[in-house]
Each structure stands twice: as structure tokens, then as C-alpha cells.
N, C-alpha and C. Protein backbone atom coordinates (compact mmCIF):
# COMPACT_ATOMS: atom_id res chain seq x y z
N UNK A 1 0.85 -1.17 0.00
CA UNK A 1 0.00 0.00 0.00
C UNK A 1 0.90 1.23 0.00
N UNK A 2 0.61 2.19 -0.87
CA UNK A 2 1.42 3.39 -0.97
C UNK A 2 1.21 4.29 0.25
N UNK A 3 2.14 5.21 0.44
CA UNK A 3 2.07 6.10 1.59
C UNK A 3 0.80 6.95 1.54
N UNK A 4 0.46 7.45 0.35
CA UNK A 4 -0.74 8.28 0.20
C UNK A 4 -1.99 7.48 0.53
N UNK A 5 -2.05 6.24 0.04
CA UNK A 5 -3.22 5.40 0.32
C UNK A 5 -3.31 5.06 1.81
N UNK A 6 -2.18 4.83 2.46
CA UNK A 6 -2.18 4.58 3.91
C UNK A 6 -2.72 5.77 4.67
N UNK A 7 -2.35 6.97 4.23
CA UNK A 7 -2.85 8.18 4.89
C UNK A 7 -4.36 8.31 4.71
N UNK A 8 -4.86 7.97 3.52
CA UNK A 8 -6.29 8.04 3.26
C UNK A 8 -7.08 7.03 4.09
N UNK A 9 -6.53 5.85 4.29
CA UNK A 9 -7.21 4.76 4.98
C UNK A 9 -6.80 4.63 6.45
N UNK A 10 -6.09 5.61 7.00
CA UNK A 10 -5.54 5.51 8.36
C UNK A 10 -6.59 5.16 9.41
N UNK A 11 -7.80 5.69 9.29
CA UNK A 11 -8.85 5.44 10.27
C UNK A 11 -9.34 3.99 10.22
N UNK A 12 -9.12 3.31 9.10
CA UNK A 12 -9.58 1.94 8.91
C UNK A 12 -8.49 0.90 9.17
N UNK A 13 -7.23 1.31 9.23
CA UNK A 13 -6.14 0.35 9.36
C UNK A 13 -5.99 -0.14 10.79
N UNK A 14 -5.88 -1.46 10.94
CA UNK A 14 -5.69 -2.04 12.27
C UNK A 14 -4.19 -2.11 12.59
N UNK A 15 -3.85 -2.76 13.69
CA UNK A 15 -2.45 -2.80 14.11
C UNK A 15 -1.55 -3.58 13.15
N UNK A 16 -2.12 -4.39 12.29
CA UNK A 16 -1.34 -5.13 11.30
C UNK A 16 -1.26 -4.40 9.96
N UNK A 17 -1.90 -3.22 9.88
CA UNK A 17 -1.88 -2.45 8.65
C UNK A 17 -2.91 -2.91 7.64
N UNK A 18 -3.89 -3.68 8.08
CA UNK A 18 -4.94 -4.17 7.19
C UNK A 18 -6.22 -3.37 7.42
N UNK A 19 -7.01 -3.20 6.38
CA UNK A 19 -8.27 -2.47 6.49
C UNK A 19 -9.27 -3.32 7.28
N UNK A 20 -9.83 -2.72 8.33
CA UNK A 20 -10.78 -3.42 9.19
C UNK A 20 -12.05 -2.59 9.33
N UNK A 21 -13.19 -3.28 9.24
CA UNK A 21 -14.49 -2.62 9.33
C UNK A 21 -15.16 -2.94 10.65
N UNK A 22 -16.18 -2.17 10.98
CA UNK A 22 -16.97 -2.38 12.18
C UNK A 22 -17.64 -3.75 12.10
N UNK A 23 -17.88 -4.37 13.23
CA UNK A 23 -18.49 -5.71 13.28
C UNK A 23 -19.84 -5.75 12.58
N UNK A 24 -20.63 -4.68 12.70
CA UNK A 24 -21.93 -4.65 12.04
C UNK A 24 -21.79 -4.54 10.52
N UNK A 25 -20.69 -3.98 10.07
CA UNK A 25 -20.50 -3.71 8.64
C UNK A 25 -19.79 -4.86 7.91
N UNK A 26 -19.16 -5.75 8.63
CA UNK A 26 -18.34 -6.78 7.99
C UNK A 26 -19.08 -7.61 6.96
N UNK A 27 -20.26 -8.06 7.30
CA UNK A 27 -21.01 -8.94 6.38
C UNK A 27 -22.08 -8.19 5.59
N UNK A 28 -22.12 -6.89 5.71
CA UNK A 28 -23.12 -6.09 5.02
C UNK A 28 -22.79 -5.99 3.53
N UNK A 29 -23.81 -6.04 2.69
CA UNK A 29 -23.59 -6.00 1.24
C UNK A 29 -23.44 -4.57 0.72
N UNK A 30 -23.80 -3.59 1.51
CA UNK A 30 -23.75 -2.20 1.07
C UNK A 30 -22.33 -1.65 1.20
N UNK A 31 -22.04 -0.59 0.43
CA UNK A 31 -20.68 -0.06 0.42
C UNK A 31 -20.49 1.12 1.37
N UNK A 32 -21.36 1.27 2.34
CA UNK A 32 -21.24 2.36 3.32
C UNK A 32 -20.52 1.88 4.58
N UNK A 33 -19.52 1.07 4.43
CA UNK A 33 -18.82 0.47 5.55
C UNK A 33 -18.17 1.52 6.46
N UNK A 34 -18.18 1.23 7.77
CA UNK A 34 -17.58 2.13 8.75
C UNK A 34 -16.37 1.47 9.39
N UNK A 35 -15.49 2.28 9.90
CA UNK A 35 -14.26 1.80 10.52
C UNK A 35 -14.55 1.03 11.81
N UNK A 36 -13.65 0.12 12.15
CA UNK A 36 -13.77 -0.61 13.41
C UNK A 36 -13.57 0.33 14.59
N UNK A 37 -13.00 1.48 14.36
CA UNK A 37 -12.78 2.47 15.42
C UNK A 37 -14.06 3.25 15.74
N UNK A 38 -15.00 3.29 14.81
CA UNK A 38 -16.22 4.09 14.97
C UNK A 38 -17.25 3.34 15.81
N UNK A 39 -18.04 4.11 16.54
CA UNK A 39 -19.18 3.57 17.26
C UNK A 39 -20.41 3.81 16.40
N UNK A 40 -21.04 2.75 15.95
CA UNK A 40 -22.19 2.89 15.07
C UNK A 40 -23.41 3.26 15.91
N UNK A 41 -23.97 4.42 15.62
CA UNK A 41 -25.15 4.88 16.34
C UNK A 41 -26.40 4.50 15.57
N UNK A 42 -26.36 4.71 14.27
CA UNK A 42 -27.50 4.36 13.42
C UNK A 42 -27.00 4.01 12.03
N UNK A 43 -27.62 3.00 11.45
CA UNK A 43 -27.30 2.61 10.08
C UNK A 43 -28.62 2.32 9.38
N UNK A 44 -28.89 3.00 8.27
CA UNK A 44 -30.18 2.80 7.59
C UNK A 44 -30.34 1.40 7.00
N UNK A 45 -29.25 0.69 6.82
CA UNK A 45 -29.31 -0.64 6.20
C UNK A 45 -29.33 -1.78 7.22
N UNK A 46 -29.04 -1.47 8.50
CA UNK A 46 -28.94 -2.53 9.50
C UNK A 46 -30.29 -2.78 10.17
N UNK A 47 -30.69 -4.04 10.23
CA UNK A 47 -31.90 -4.44 10.94
C UNK A 47 -31.52 -5.59 11.86
N UNK A 48 -31.65 -5.37 13.16
CA UNK A 48 -31.31 -6.39 14.14
C UNK A 48 -32.29 -7.55 14.07
N UNK A 49 -31.79 -8.74 14.25
CA UNK A 49 -32.65 -9.91 14.29
C UNK A 49 -33.47 -9.94 15.58
N UNK A 50 -33.02 -9.20 16.58
CA UNK A 50 -33.71 -9.15 17.86
C UNK A 50 -34.80 -8.09 17.88
N UNK A 51 -34.85 -7.26 16.88
CA UNK A 51 -35.83 -6.19 16.82
C UNK A 51 -37.24 -6.74 16.64
N UNK A 52 -38.20 -6.09 17.25
CA UNK A 52 -39.59 -6.52 17.13
C UNK A 52 -40.29 -5.84 15.95
N UNK A 53 -39.61 -4.91 15.32
CA UNK A 53 -40.20 -4.18 14.20
C UNK A 53 -39.85 -4.86 12.89
N UNK A 54 -40.81 -5.02 12.00
CA UNK A 54 -40.49 -5.63 10.69
C UNK A 54 -39.63 -4.68 9.86
N UNK A 55 -38.78 -5.21 9.00
CA UNK A 55 -37.86 -4.37 8.21
C UNK A 55 -38.56 -3.45 7.24
């Protein structure tokens, strides 16, 4: 990975230098992935299986 690309992806890079996404975003099919460092407050595409509301 080039230096410029590393700077662009710094918020997503883990301690091994690999791009890492939030646990909720890992298996999501949408391209609005968030960093593992971020706390996800709301995601329009995420529907919990424990939710009582239909999608």
C-alpha cells in the first residue's frame, strides 16, 4: 500500500496495517462500511434480528 493510500485509509487500518471494518458492517452488502474504530449509532441498512419491528 502506498504512503498516500495509507494516509487516506488511516482510520480503517488495524495494528497489522490491514483495512478493518466495524463488526456490524463486515457482512453487510452495502458499500457504506464504517471503521472498526467508529461507534455505530444508526445505520439505515442494519436491521437487528432481535428487533420486534419488521424491516
